[in-house]
Amino acid sequence: MSKLPSWKEMASGGIIPKGGTSHEKDVSGWRTYRPVHDMQKCIHCLRCWIMCPESAILTKDGKHAGIDFAHCKGCGICAQQCPKKVQAYTMKLESEFKKG
Protein backbone atom coordinates (compact mmCIF):
# COMPACT_ATOMS: atom_id res chain seq x y z
CA MET A 1 0.00 0.00 0.00
CA SER A 2 1.43 3.41 -0.96
CA LYS A 3 1.61 6.24 1.52
CA LEU A 4 -0.66 9.23 0.84
CA PRO A 5 1.03 12.66 0.73
CA SER A 6 0.57 15.00 3.67
CA TRP A 7 -1.26 18.27 3.14
CA LYS A 8 2.10 20.06 2.95
CA GLU A 9 3.19 17.82 0.08
CA MET A 10 0.02 18.22 -1.97
CA ALA A 11 -0.18 20.63 -4.91
CA SER A 12 -2.22 23.80 -4.47
CA GLY A 13 -5.65 23.70 -6.01
CA GLY A 14 -8.96 25.51 -6.02
CA ILE A 15 -7.50 28.90 -5.14
CA ILE A 16 -10.11 31.62 -4.91
CA PRO A 17 -8.22 34.94 -5.08
CA LYS A 18 -11.16 37.05 -3.86
CA GLY A 19 -14.87 36.86 -3.15
CA GLY A 20 -17.19 37.44 -6.06
CA THR A 21 -20.52 39.18 -6.29
CA SER A 22 -23.16 39.59 -8.94
CA HIS A 23 -22.04 43.20 -9.35
CA GLU A 24 -19.10 41.92 -11.36
CA LYS A 25 -21.36 39.98 -13.75
CA ASP A 26 -24.65 40.41 -15.55
CA VAL A 27 -26.82 37.72 -13.94
CA SER A 28 -30.08 38.70 -15.62
CA GLY A 29 -30.02 35.46 -17.65
CA TRP A 30 -30.42 33.45 -14.43
CA ARG A 31 -33.96 34.71 -13.78
CA THR A 32 -37.09 32.67 -14.23
CA TYR A 33 -39.26 35.35 -12.59
CA ARG A 34 -38.88 39.12 -12.70
CA PRO A 35 -40.11 41.47 -9.98
CA VAL A 36 -42.48 44.13 -11.28
CA HIS A 37 -42.71 47.12 -8.96
CA ASP A 38 -45.79 49.35 -8.82
CA MET A 39 -44.58 52.78 -7.70
CA GLN A 40 -48.19 53.90 -7.09
CA LYS A 41 -48.59 51.28 -4.33
CA CYS A 42 -45.11 51.67 -2.84
CA ILE A 43 -44.85 53.28 0.62
CA HIS A 44 -41.02 53.47 0.43
CA CYS A 45 -40.49 51.40 3.56
CA LEU A 46 -37.37 49.99 1.81
CA ARG A 47 -37.78 46.50 3.27
CA CYS A 48 -37.03 45.24 -0.24
CA TRP A 49 -33.79 47.23 -0.35
CA ILE A 50 -32.68 45.96 3.05
CA MET A 51 -33.42 42.31 2.27
CA CYS A 52 -32.27 42.07 -1.37
CA PRO A 53 -29.25 39.74 -1.34
CA GLU A 54 -27.85 41.29 -4.53
CA SER A 55 -28.43 45.00 -3.79
CA ALA A 56 -30.52 45.21 -6.95
CA ILE A 57 -33.05 47.65 -5.45
CA LEU A 58 -32.13 51.21 -6.38
CA THR A 59 -32.86 54.13 -4.08
CA LYS A 60 -32.66 57.89 -4.36
CA ASP A 61 -33.25 60.37 -1.56
CA GLY A 62 -34.45 57.59 0.76
CA LYS A 63 -37.07 56.29 -1.67
CA HIS A 64 -37.39 53.31 -3.99
CA ALA A 65 -36.08 54.41 -7.39
CA GLY A 66 -36.13 51.21 -9.45
CA ILE A 67 -34.56 47.80 -9.92
CA ASP A 68 -31.13 47.04 -11.40
CA PHE A 69 -32.17 44.09 -13.57
CA ALA A 70 -28.58 43.30 -14.59
CA HIS A 71 -28.00 42.21 -10.99
CA CYS A 72 -31.45 40.88 -10.07
CA LYS A 73 -31.61 37.07 -9.96
CA GLY A 74 -35.39 36.96 -9.57
CA CYS A 75 -35.42 35.36 -6.12
CA GLY A 76 -38.62 37.17 -5.09
CA ILE A 77 -37.40 38.26 -1.65
CA CYS A 78 -38.42 41.83 -2.51
CA ALA A 79 -42.00 40.69 -3.16
CA GLN A 80 -42.05 38.58 0.01
CA GLN A 81 -40.83 41.45 2.17
CA CYS A 82 -43.26 44.04 0.80
CA PRO A 83 -45.99 44.60 3.40
CA LYS A 84 -49.08 42.50 2.64
CA LYS A 85 -51.40 45.50 2.73
CA VAL A 86 -49.21 47.25 0.13
CA GLN A 87 -48.18 44.48 -2.32
CA ALA A 88 -46.17 46.82 -4.54
CA TYR A 89 -44.44 43.83 -6.18
CA THR A 90 -45.68 41.07 -8.42
CA MET A 91 -43.46 38.32 -9.82
CA LYS A 92 -43.95 37.65 -13.52
CA LEU A 93 -42.36 35.05 -15.75
CA GLU A 94 -39.21 36.38 -17.38
CA SER A 95 -40.39 34.93 -20.70
CA GLU A 96 -43.14 37.61 -20.75
CA PHE A 97 -40.40 40.23 -21.18
CA LYS A 98 -38.27 38.47 -23.81
CA LYS A 99 -38.32 39.94 -27.26
CA GLY A 100 -39.04 37.33 -29.90
PDB file of N, CA and C in Angstrom:
ATOM      1  N   MET A   1       0.848  -1.166   0.000  1.00  0.00           N
ATOM      2  CA  MET A   1       0.000   0.000   0.000  1.00  0.00           C
ATOM      3  C   MET A   1       0.903   1.242   0.000  1.00  0.00           C
ATOM      4  N   SER A   2       0.592   2.213  -0.903  1.00  0.00           N
ATOM      5  CA  SER A   2       1.432   3.411  -0.959  1.00  0.00           C
ATOM      6  C   SER A   2       0.958   4.430   0.072  1.00  0.00           C
ATOM      7  N   LYS A   3       1.889   5.218   0.511  1.00  0.00           N
ATOM      8  CA  LYS A   3       1.614   6.244   1.520  1.00  0.00           C
ATOM      9  C   LYS A   3       1.028   7.484   0.834  1.00  0.00           C
ATOM     10  N   LEU A   4      -0.053   8.016   1.382  1.00  0.00           N
ATOM     11  CA  LEU A   4      -0.658   9.229   0.843  1.00  0.00           C
ATOM     12  C   LEU A   4       0.188  10.435   1.247  1.00  0.00           C
ATOM     13  N   PRO A   5       0.250  11.472   0.378  1.00  0.00           N
ATOM     14  CA  PRO A   5       1.029  12.658   0.726  1.00  0.00           C
ATOM     15  C   PRO A   5       0.345  13.449   1.846  1.00  0.00           C
ATOM     16  N   SER A   6       1.142  14.131   2.633  1.00  0.00           N
ATOM     17  CA  SER A   6       0.575  14.997   3.673  1.00  0.00           C
ATOM     18  C   SER A   6       0.026  16.254   2.996  1.00  0.00           C
ATOM     19  N   TRP A   7      -0.696  17.059   3.729  1.00  0.00           N
ATOM     20  CA  TRP A   7      -1.263  18.269   3.144  1.00  0.00           C
ATOM     21  C   TRP A   7      -0.166  19.232   2.700  1.00  0.00           C
ATOM     22  N   LYS A   8       0.984  19.190   3.333  1.00  0.00           N
ATOM     23  CA  LYS A   8       2.096  20.058   2.951  1.00  0.00           C
ATOM     24  C   LYS A   8       2.729  19.622   1.629  1.00  0.00           C
ATOM     25  N   GLU A   9       2.596  18.366   1.306  1.00  0.00           N
ATOM     26  CA  GLU A   9       3.190  17.824   0.080  1.00  0.00           C
ATOM     27  C   GLU A   9       2.256  17.909  -1.127  1.00  0.00           C
ATOM     28  N   MET A  10       0.996  18.182  -0.880  1.00  0.00           N
ATOM     29  CA  MET A  10       0.018  18.220  -1.969  1.00  0.00           C
ATOM     30  C   MET A  10       0.120  19.523  -2.755  1.00  0.00           C
ATOM     31  N   ALA A  11      -0.180  19.445  -4.044  1.00  0.00           N
ATOM     32  CA  ALA A  11      -0.176  20.631  -4.908  1.00  0.00           C
ATOM     33  C   ALA A  11      -1.345  21.538  -4.547  1.00  0.00           C
ATOM     34  N   SER A  12      -1.142  22.837  -4.721  1.00  0.00           N
ATOM     35  CA  SER A  12      -2.219  23.801  -4.469  1.00  0.00           C
ATOM     36  C   SER A  12      -3.322  23.605  -5.493  1.00  0.00           C
ATOM     37  N   GLY A  13      -4.526  23.828  -5.090  1.00  0.00           N
ATOM     38  CA  GLY A  13      -5.652  23.704  -6.007  1.00  0.00           C
ATOM     39  C   GLY A  13      -6.846  24.479  -5.515  1.00  0.00           C
ATOM     40  N   GLY A  14      -7.721  24.824  -6.388  1.00  0.00           N
ATOM     41  CA  GLY A  14      -8.963  25.505  -6.022  1.00  0.00           C
ATOM     42  C   GLY A  14      -8.741  26.834  -5.326  1.00  0.00           C
ATOM     43  N   ILE A  15      -7.783  27.616  -5.777  1.00  0.00           N
ATOM     44  CA  ILE A  15      -7.496  28.898  -5.142  1.00  0.00           C
ATOM     45  C   ILE A  15      -8.537  29.915  -5.589  1.00  0.00           C
ATOM     46  N   ILE A  16      -9.132  30.572  -4.637  1.00  0.00           N
ATOM     47  CA  ILE A  16     -10.106  31.623  -4.906  1.00  0.00           C
ATOM     48  C   ILE A  16      -9.451  32.933  -4.475  1.00  0.00           C
ATOM     49  N   PRO A  17      -8.988  33.755  -5.429  1.00  0.00           N
ATOM     50  CA  PRO A  17      -8.223  34.944  -5.075  1.00  0.00           C
ATOM     51  C   PRO A  17      -9.013  36.022  -4.332  1.00  0.00           C
ATOM     52  N   LYS A  18     -10.314  36.070  -4.562  1.00  0.00           N
ATOM     53  CA  LYS A  18     -11.159  37.046  -3.859  1.00  0.00           C
ATOM     54  C   LYS A  18     -12.609  36.603  -3.964  1.00  0.00           C
ATOM     55  N   GLY A  19     -13.445  37.150  -3.101  1.00  0.00           N
ATOM     56  CA  GLY A  19     -14.868  36.856  -3.146  1.00  0.00           C
ATOM     57  C   GLY A  19     -15.500  37.505  -4.363  1.00  0.00           C
ATOM     58  N   GLY A  20     -16.514  36.892  -4.897  1.00  0.00           N
ATOM     59  CA  GLY A  20     -17.188  37.444  -6.063  1.00  0.00           C
ATOM     60  C   GLY A  20     -18.610  37.848  -5.722  1.00  0.00           C
ATOM     61  N   THR A  21     -19.136  38.766  -6.462  1.00  0.00           N
ATOM     62  CA  THR A  21     -20.517  39.183  -6.286  1.00  0.00           C
ATOM     63  C   THR A  21     -21.168  39.318  -7.657  1.00  0.00           C
ATOM     64  N   SER A  22     -22.465  39.434  -7.666  1.00  0.00           N
ATOM     65  CA  SER A  22     -23.159  39.587  -8.938  1.00  0.00           C
ATOM     66  C   SER A  22     -22.896  40.958  -9.552  1.00  0.00           C
ATOM     67  N   HIS A  23     -22.321  41.882  -8.786  1.00  0.00           N
ATOM     68  CA  HIS A  23     -22.035  43.204  -9.346  1.00  0.00           C
ATOM     69  C   HIS A  23     -20.897  43.164 -10.353  1.00  0.00           C
ATOM     70  N   GLU A  24     -20.157  42.069 -10.378  1.00  0.00           N
ATOM     71  CA  GLU A  24     -19.098  41.921 -11.363  1.00  0.00           C
ATOM     72  C   GLU A  24     -19.611  41.260 -12.642  1.00  0.00           C
ATOM     73  N   LYS A  25     -20.803  40.718 -12.613  1.00  0.00           N
ATOM     74  CA  LYS A  25     -21.358  39.983 -13.749  1.00  0.00           C
ATOM     75  C   LYS A  25     -22.809  40.396 -13.986  1.00  0.00           C
ATOM     76  N   ASP A  26     -23.231  40.239 -15.218  1.00  0.00           N
ATOM     77  CA  ASP A  26     -24.646  40.408 -15.549  1.00  0.00           C
ATOM     78  C   ASP A  26     -25.307  39.053 -15.307  1.00  0.00           C
ATOM     79  N   VAL A  27     -26.170  38.986 -14.300  1.00  0.00           N
ATOM     80  CA  VAL A  27     -26.816  37.722 -13.941  1.00  0.00           C
ATOM     81  C   VAL A  27     -28.281  37.687 -14.368  1.00  0.00           C
ATOM     82  N   SER A  28     -28.673  38.617 -15.218  1.00  0.00           N
ATOM     83  CA  SER A  28     -30.076  38.696 -15.620  1.00  0.00           C
ATOM     84  C   SER A  28     -30.553  37.427 -16.333  1.00  0.00           C
ATOM     85  N   GLY A  29     -29.648  36.691 -16.959  1.00  0.00           N
ATOM     86  CA  GLY A  29     -30.018  35.464 -17.645  1.00  0.00           C
ATOM     87  C   GLY A  29     -30.358  34.320 -16.716  1.00  0.00           C
ATOM     88  N   TRP A  30     -30.128  34.493 -15.416  1.00  0.00           N
ATOM     89  CA  TRP A  30     -30.423  33.447 -14.434  1.00  0.00           C
ATOM     90  C   TRP A  30     -31.887  33.442 -14.032  1.00  0.00           C
ATOM     91  N   ARG A  31     -32.592  34.542 -14.286  1.00  0.00           N
ATOM     92  CA  ARG A  31     -33.956  34.708 -13.781  1.00  0.00           C
ATOM     93  C   ARG A  31     -34.976  33.834 -14.488  1.00  0.00           C
ATOM     94  N   THR A  32     -35.885  33.296 -13.699  1.00  0.00           N
ATOM     95  CA  THR A  32     -37.088  32.668 -14.227  1.00  0.00           C
ATOM     96  C   THR A  32     -38.257  33.631 -14.035  1.00  0.00           C
ATOM     97  N   TYR A  33     -38.235  34.350 -12.910  1.00  0.00           N
ATOM     98  CA  TYR A  33     -39.260  35.345 -12.592  1.00  0.00           C
ATOM     99  C   TYR A  33     -38.612  36.709 -12.438  1.00  0.00           C
ATOM    100  N   ARG A  34     -39.360  37.745 -12.813  1.00  0.00           N
ATOM    101  CA  ARG A  34     -38.883  39.121 -12.700  1.00  0.00           C
ATOM    102  C   ARG A  34     -39.821  39.893 -11.769  1.00  0.00           C
ATOM    103  N   PRO A  35     -39.259  40.639 -10.817  1.00  0.00           N
ATOM    104  CA  PRO A  35     -40.114  41.468  -9.979  1.00  0.00           C
ATOM    105  C   PRO A  35     -40.607  42.686 -10.761  1.00  0.00           C
ATOM    106  N   VAL A  36     -41.890  42.946 -10.667  1.00  0.00           N
ATOM    107  CA  VAL A  36     -42.482  44.133 -11.279  1.00  0.00           C
ATOM    108  C   VAL A  36     -42.967  45.004 -10.129  1.00  0.00           C
ATOM    109  N   HIS A  37     -42.428  46.219 -10.072  1.00  0.00           N
ATOM    110  CA  HIS A  37     -42.708  47.117  -8.959  1.00  0.00           C
ATOM    111  C   HIS A  37     -43.720  48.166  -9.378  1.00  0.00           C
ATOM    112  N   ASP A  38     -44.756  48.353  -8.570  1.00  0.00           N
ATOM    113  CA  ASP A  38     -45.792  49.352  -8.820  1.00  0.00           C
ATOM    114  C   ASP A  38     -45.509  50.550  -7.909  1.00  0.00           C
ATOM    115  N   MET A  39     -44.959  51.601  -8.485  1.00  0.00           N
ATOM    116  CA  MET A  39     -44.579  52.783  -7.702  1.00  0.00           C
ATOM    117  C   MET A  39     -45.799  53.460  -7.060  1.00  0.00           C
ATOM    118  N   GLN A  40     -46.982  53.287  -7.647  1.00  0.00           N
ATOM    119  CA  GLN A  40     -48.190  53.898  -7.086  1.00  0.00           C
ATOM    120  C   GLN A  40     -48.580  53.264  -5.750  1.00  0.00           C
ATOM    121  N   LYS A  41     -48.269  51.984  -5.581  1.00  0.00           N
ATOM    122  CA  LYS A  41     -48.592  51.281  -4.335  1.00  0.00           C
ATOM    123  C   LYS A  41     -47.484  51.406  -3.284  1.00  0.00           C
ATOM    124  N   CYS A  42     -46.277  51.691  -3.718  1.00  0.00           N
ATOM    125  CA  CYS A  42     -45.107  51.671  -2.835  1.00  0.00           C
ATOM    126  C   CYS A  42     -45.205  52.739  -1.742  1.00  0.00           C
ATOM    127  N   ILE A  43     -44.880  52.346  -0.508  1.00  0.00           N
ATOM    128  CA  ILE A  43     -44.850  53.283   0.617  1.00  0.00           C
ATOM    129  C   ILE A  43     -43.408  53.639   1.007  1.00  0.00           C
ATOM    130  N   HIS A  44     -42.445  53.173   0.234  1.00  0.00           N
ATOM    131  CA  HIS A  44     -41.019  53.470   0.427  1.00  0.00           C
ATOM    132  C   HIS A  44     -40.511  53.063   1.807  1.00  0.00           C
ATOM    133  N   CYS A  45     -40.971  51.920   2.278  1.00  0.00           N
ATOM    134  CA  CYS A  45     -40.490  51.397   3.556  1.00  0.00           C
ATOM    135  C   CYS A  45     -39.070  50.839   3.414  1.00  0.00           C
ATOM    136  N   LEU A  46     -38.697  50.503   2.186  1.00  0.00           N
ATOM    137  CA  LEU A  46     -37.372  49.991   1.808  1.00  0.00           C
ATOM    138  C   LEU A  46     -37.027  48.638   2.419  1.00  0.00           C
ATOM    139  N   ARG A  47     -38.041  47.882   2.815  1.00  0.00           N
ATOM    140  CA  ARG A  47     -37.779  46.503   3.269  1.00  0.00           C
ATOM    141  C   ARG A  47     -37.132  45.703   2.144  1.00  0.00           C
ATOM    142  N   CYS A  48     -37.581  45.937   0.923  1.00  0.00           N
ATOM    143  CA  CYS A  48     -37.029  45.236  -0.239  1.00  0.00           C
ATOM    144  C   CYS A  48     -35.544  45.553  -0.390  1.00  0.00           C
ATOM    145  N   TRP A  49     -35.181  46.797  -0.221  1.00  0.00           N
ATOM    146  CA  TRP A  49     -33.791  47.232  -0.351  1.00  0.00           C
ATOM    147  C   TRP A  49     -32.919  46.596   0.731  1.00  0.00           C
ATOM    148  N   ILE A  50     -33.427  46.549   1.946  1.00  0.00           N
ATOM    149  CA  ILE A  50     -32.680  45.962   3.054  1.00  0.00           C
ATOM    150  C   ILE A  50     -32.456  44.475   2.822  1.00  0.00           C
ATOM    151  N   MET A  51     -33.467  43.773   2.351  1.00  0.00           N
ATOM    152  CA  MET A  51     -33.416  42.312   2.269  1.00  0.00           C
ATOM    153  C   MET A  51     -32.863  41.763   0.944  1.00  0.00           C
ATOM    154  N   CYS A  52     -32.754  42.570  -0.078  1.00  0.00           N
ATOM    155  CA  CYS A  52     -32.269  42.073  -1.373  1.00  0.00           C
ATOM    156  C   CYS A  52     -30.834  41.571  -1.228  1.00  0.00           C
ATOM    157  N   PRO A  53     -30.597  40.280  -1.504  1.00  0.00           N
ATOM    158  CA  PRO A  53     -29.252  39.737  -1.343  1.00  0.00           C
ATOM    159  C   PRO A  53     -28.258  40.230  -2.390  1.00  0.00           C
ATOM    160  N   GLU A  54     -28.737  40.836  -3.453  1.00  0.00           N
ATOM    161  CA  GLU A  54     -27.855  41.293  -4.527  1.00  0.00           C
ATOM    162  C   GLU A  54     -27.795  42.807  -4.658  1.00  0.00           C
ATOM    163  N   SER A  55     -28.403  43.530  -3.731  1.00  0.00           N
ATOM    164  CA  SER A  55     -28.425  45.005  -3.788  1.00  0.00           C
ATOM    165  C   SER A  55     -28.942  45.498  -5.137  1.00  0.00           C
ATOM    166  N   ALA A  56     -29.968  44.854  -5.645  1.00  0.00           N
ATOM    167  CA  ALA A  56     -30.524  45.212  -6.946  1.00  0.00           C
ATOM    168  C   ALA A  56     -31.617  46.283  -6.845  1.00  0.00           C
ATOM    169  N   ILE A  57     -32.037  46.608  -5.632  1.00  0.00           N
ATOM    170  CA  ILE A  57     -33.051  47.648  -5.452  1.00  0.00           C
ATOM    171  C   ILE A  57     -32.337  48.991  -5.417  1.00  0.00           C
ATOM    172  N   LEU A  58     -32.741  49.885  -6.299  1.00  0.00           N
ATOM    173  CA  LEU A  58     -32.127  51.207  -6.382  1.00  0.00           C
ATOM    174  C   LEU A  58     -32.913  52.203  -5.550  1.00  0.00           C
ATOM    175  N   THR A  59     -32.201  53.093  -4.883  1.00  0.00           N
ATOM    176  CA  THR A  59     -32.857  54.128  -4.079  1.00  0.00           C
ATOM    177  C   THR A  59     -32.297  55.493  -4.449  1.00  0.00           C
ATOM    178  N   LYS A  60     -33.098  56.504  -4.185  1.00  0.00           N
ATOM    179  CA  LYS A  60     -32.659  57.886  -4.355  1.00  0.00           C
ATOM    180  C   LYS A  60     -33.409  58.731  -3.343  1.00  0.00           C
ATOM    181  N   ASP A  61     -32.672  59.494  -2.587  1.00  0.00           N
ATOM    182  CA  ASP A  61     -33.254  60.365  -1.561  1.00  0.00           C
ATOM    183  C   ASP A  61     -34.140  59.593  -0.584  1.00  0.00           C
ATOM    184  N   GLY A  62     -33.717  58.390  -0.223  1.00  0.00           N
ATOM    185  CA  GLY A  62     -34.448  57.593   0.758  1.00  0.00           C
ATOM    186  C   GLY A  62     -35.720  56.947   0.241  1.00  0.00           C
ATOM    187  N   LYS A  63     -35.879  56.885  -1.083  1.00  0.00           N
ATOM    188  CA  LYS A  63     -37.073  56.287  -1.671  1.00  0.00           C
ATOM    189  C   LYS A  63     -36.680  55.258  -2.723  1.00  0.00           C
ATOM    190  N   HIS A  64     -37.576  54.321  -2.948  1.00  0.00           N
ATOM    191  CA  HIS A  64     -37.389  53.311  -3.992  1.00  0.00           C
ATOM    192  C   HIS A  64     -37.309  54.025  -5.333  1.00  0.00           C
ATOM    193  N   ALA A  65     -36.259  53.726  -6.118  1.00  0.00           N
ATOM    194  CA  ALA A  65     -36.077  54.412  -7.394  1.00  0.00           C
ATOM    195  C   ALA A  65     -36.054  53.461  -8.588  1.00  0.00           C
ATOM    196  N   GLY A  66     -36.135  52.157  -8.333  1.00  0.00           N
ATOM    197  CA  GLY A  66     -36.133  51.213  -9.445  1.00  0.00           C
ATOM    198  C   GLY A  66     -35.410  49.931  -9.087  1.00  0.00           C
ATOM    199  N   ILE A  67     -35.217  49.092 -10.105  1.00  0.00           N
ATOM    200  CA  ILE A  67     -34.561  47.796  -9.920  1.00  0.00           C
ATOM    201  C   ILE A  67     -33.441  47.686 -10.950  1.00  0.00           C
ATOM    202  N   ASP A  68     -32.272  47.281 -10.512  1.00  0.00           N
ATOM    203  CA  ASP A  68     -31.134  47.044 -11.395  1.00  0.00           C
ATOM    204  C   ASP A  68     -31.260  45.605 -11.904  1.00  0.00           C
ATOM    205  N   PHE A  69     -31.869  45.432 -13.070  1.00  0.00           N
ATOM    206  CA  PHE A  69     -32.168  44.091 -13.573  1.00  0.00           C
ATOM    207  C   PHE A  69     -30.929  43.326 -14.027  1.00  0.00           C
ATOM    208  N   ALA A  70     -29.821  44.006 -14.242  1.00  0.00           N
ATOM    209  CA  ALA A  70     -28.582  43.297 -14.588  1.00  0.00           C
ATOM    210  C   ALA A  70     -28.075  42.484 -13.402  1.00  0.00           C
ATOM    211  N   HIS A  71     -28.467  42.889 -12.198  1.00  0.00           N
ATOM    212  CA  HIS A  71     -27.996  42.208 -10.991  1.00  0.00           C
ATOM    213  C   HIS A  71     -29.100  41.482 -10.229  1.00  0.00           C
ATOM    214  N   CYS A  72     -30.316  41.563 -10.706  1.00  0.00           N
ATOM    215  CA  CYS A  72     -31.448  40.876 -10.068  1.00  0.00           C
ATOM    216  C   CYS A  72     -31.507  39.433 -10.565  1.00  0.00           C
ATOM    217  N   LYS A  73     -31.542  38.492  -9.615  1.00  0.00           N
ATOM    218  CA  LYS A  73     -31.610  37.072  -9.964  1.00  0.00           C
ATOM    219  C   LYS A  73     -33.037  36.539  -9.932  1.00  0.00           C
ATOM    220  N   GLY A  74     -33.995  37.379  -9.562  1.00  0.00           N
ATOM    221  CA  GLY A  74     -35.388  36.965  -9.567  1.00  0.00           C
ATOM    222  C   GLY A  74     -35.792  36.079  -8.405  1.00  0.00           C
ATOM    223  N   CYS A  75     -35.139  36.232  -7.266  1.00  0.00           N
ATOM    224  CA  CYS A  75     -35.416  35.356  -6.119  1.00  0.00           C
ATOM    225  C   CYS A  75     -36.775  35.629  -5.475  1.00  0.00           C
ATOM    226  N   GLY A  76     -37.307  36.839  -5.635  1.00  0.00           N
ATOM    227  CA  GLY A  76     -38.621  37.174  -5.088  1.00  0.00           C
ATOM    228  C   GLY A  76     -38.621  37.632  -3.643  1.00  0.00           C
ATOM    229  N   ILE A  77     -37.459  37.792  -3.041  1.00  0.00           N
ATOM    230  CA  ILE A  77     -37.404  38.258  -1.649  1.00  0.00           C
ATOM    231  C   ILE A  77     -38.027  39.641  -1.541  1.00  0.00           C
ATOM    232  N   CYS A  78     -37.830  40.491  -2.539  1.00  0.00           N
ATOM    233  CA  CYS A  78     -38.417  41.832  -2.506  1.00  0.00           C
ATOM    234  C   CYS A  78     -39.946  41.746  -2.406  1.00  0.00           C
ATOM    235  N   ALA A  79     -40.535  40.855  -3.178  1.00  0.00           N
ATOM    236  CA  ALA A  79     -41.995  40.691  -3.161  1.00  0.00           C
ATOM    237  C   ALA A  79     -42.472  40.109  -1.833  1.00  0.00           C
ATOM    238  N   GLN A  80     -41.688  39.183  -1.278  1.00  0.00           N
ATOM    239  CA  GLN A  80     -42.051  38.583   0.014  1.00  0.00           C
ATOM    240  C   GLN A  80     -41.986  39.595   1.140  1.00  0.00           C
ATOM    241  N   GLN A  81     -41.031  40.494   1.090  1.00  0.00           N
ATOM    242  CA  GLN A  81     -40.827  41.453   2.168  1.00  0.00           C
ATOM    243  C   GLN A  81     -41.737  42.668   2.089  1.00  0.00           C
ATOM    244  N   CYS A  82     -42.331  42.906   0.945  1.00  0.00           N
ATOM    245  CA  CYS A  82     -43.256  44.035   0.796  1.00  0.00           C
ATOM    246  C   CYS A  82     -44.462  43.797   1.701  1.00  0.00           C
ATOM    247  N   PRO A  83     -44.852  44.802   2.505  1.00  0.00           N
ATOM    248  CA  PRO A  83     -45.993  44.599   3.403  1.00  0.00           C
ATOM    249  C   PRO A  83     -47.230  44.094   2.667  1.00  0.00           C
ATOM    250  N   LYS A  84     -47.910  43.138   3.271  1.00  0.00           N
ATOM    251  CA  LYS A  84     -49.075  42.500   2.639  1.00  0.00           C
ATOM    252  C   LYS A  84     -50.156  43.497   2.250  1.00  0.00           C
ATOM    253  N   LYS A  85     -50.349  44.536   3.053  1.00  0.00           N
ATOM    254  CA  LYS A  85     -51.395  45.504   2.728  1.00  0.00           C
ATOM    255  C   LYS A  85     -50.998  46.402   1.553  1.00  0.00           C
ATOM    256  N   VAL A  86     -49.705  46.414   1.215  1.00  0.00           N
ATOM    257  CA  VAL A  86     -49.213  47.252   0.128  1.00  0.00           C
ATOM    258  C   VAL A  86     -49.116  46.465  -1.175  1.00  0.00           C
ATOM    259  N   GLN A  87     -48.402  45.350  -1.154  1.00  0.00           N
ATOM    260  CA  GLN A  87     -48.179  44.484  -2.318  1.00  0.00           C
ATOM    261  C   GLN A  87     -47.772  45.279  -3.560  1.00  0.00           C
ATOM    262  N   ALA A  88     -46.660  46.015  -3.426  1.00  0.00           N
ATOM    263  CA  ALA A  88     -46.167  46.820  -4.543  1.00  0.00           C
ATOM    264  C   ALA A  88     -45.412  45.982  -5.570  1.00  0.00           C
ATOM    265  N   TYR A  89     -45.162  44.714  -5.262  1.00  0.00           N
ATOM    266  CA  TYR A  89     -44.444  43.835  -6.182  1.00  0.00           C
ATOM    267  C   TYR A  89     -45.333  42.690  -6.647  1.00  0.00           C
ATOM    268  N   THR A  90     -45.155  42.324  -7.911  1.00  0.00           N
ATOM    269  CA  THR A  90     -45.681  41.065  -8.422  1.00  0.00           C
ATOM    270  C   THR A  90     -44.520  40.392  -9.148  1.00  0.00           C
ATOM    271  N   MET A  91     -44.503  39.080  -9.121  1.00  0.00           N
ATOM    272  CA  MET A  91     -43.459  38.320  -9.818  1.00  0.00           C
ATOM    273  C   MET A  91     -44.066  37.771 -11.105  1.00  0.00           C
ATOM    274  N   LYS A  92     -43.453  38.107 -12.220  1.00  0.00           N
ATOM    275  CA  LYS A  92     -43.945  37.652 -13.519  1.00  0.00           C
ATOM    276  C   LYS A  92     -42.870  36.820 -14.197  1.00  0.00           C
ATOM    277  N   LEU A  93     -43.295  35.875 -15.018  1.00  0.00           N
ATOM    278  CA  LEU A  93     -42.357  35.048 -15.752  1.00  0.00           C
ATOM    279  C   LEU A  93     -41.456  35.909 -16.625  1.00  0.00           C
ATOM    280  N   GLU A  94     -40.178  35.633 -16.576  1.00  0.00           N
ATOM    281  CA  GLU A  94     -39.207  36.380 -17.377  1.00  0.00           C
ATOM    282  C   GLU A  94     -39.529  36.271 -18.868  1.00  0.00           C
ATOM    283  N   SER A  95     -40.065  35.147 -19.281  1.00  0.00           N
ATOM    284  CA  SER A  95     -40.388  34.932 -20.699  1.00  0.00           C
ATOM    285  C   SER A  95     -41.394  35.962 -21.219  1.00  0.00           C
ATOM    286  N   GLU A  96     -42.180  36.579 -20.326  1.00  0.00           N
ATOM    287  CA  GLU A  96     -43.137  37.612 -20.747  1.00  0.00           C
ATOM    288  C   GLU A  96     -42.420  38.872 -21.220  1.00  0.00           C
ATOM    289  N   PHE A  97     -41.145  39.026 -20.847  1.00  0.00           N
ATOM    290  CA  PHE A  97     -40.401  40.235 -21.181  1.00  0.00           C
ATOM    291  C   PHE A  97     -39.399  40.016 -22.309  1.00  0.00           C
ATOM    292  N   LYS A  98     -39.223  38.786 -22.752  1.00  0.00           N
ATOM    293  CA  LYS A  98     -38.273  38.473 -23.814  1.00  0.00           C
ATOM    294  C   LYS A  98     -38.812  38.938 -25.163  1.00  0.00           C
ATOM    295  N   LYS A  99     -37.918  39.513 -25.916  1.00  0.00           N
ATOM    296  CA  LYS A  99     -38.319  39.937 -27.265  1.00  0.00           C
ATOM    297  C   LYS A  99     -38.094  38.791 -28.220  1.00  0.00           C
ATOM    298  N   GLY A 100     -39.097  38.474 -29.002  1.00  0.00           N
ATOM    299  CA  GLY A 100     -39.043  37.329 -29.901  1.00  0.00           C
ATOM    300  C   GLY A 100     -38.711  37.674 -31.248  1.00  0.00           C
TER     301      GLY A 100
END
